[in-house]
């Protein structure tokens, strides 16, 4: 695993467009918790499950002053369709050049049907209000993941 930020390190800053082409930076959420999760592709089974699970828990995350940001190489247009189709309540960021994905070590060598290729490894980072990595999930399995992130946030967040 490449340059994955570790717990206690400053979270790498970023500036990348959201689904509406609005520039989004980590400092936009200063003073709030951020759930930054990386996923391979809009509207694929695992990615849809993960996005829907985070959306279903949106109110619980919001109550803890946490913002959920999903990141994939997909375009803003693709994100808008994905959000609309599945009624998602989370923000999706576009990273077609893999700048953000690489900064968080989520651009990794993957294997599928005997072939190796570079792709987005499903991973999640919980970033504290002072922009420090509070917890990491470098190899995410979608089932129950959003709830696990919420549980960790509830454990760490003192409001």
Foldseek 3Di string as FASTA:
>chain_A
DPDAADFQAFQDWDWFAWLVGDTDIPCVLQQAKEKEKEDEDAPDVLVLLQQLLLQVCVVLRVVLRYAYEYEYQDHSPSVVCSCVVNVGPHIYTHDVVCPNQVSNPQFDWDDDPRDIDTTGATKIFIAHSNRGGRDIDNHDGRVCPSVVVSVVSVVPGDD
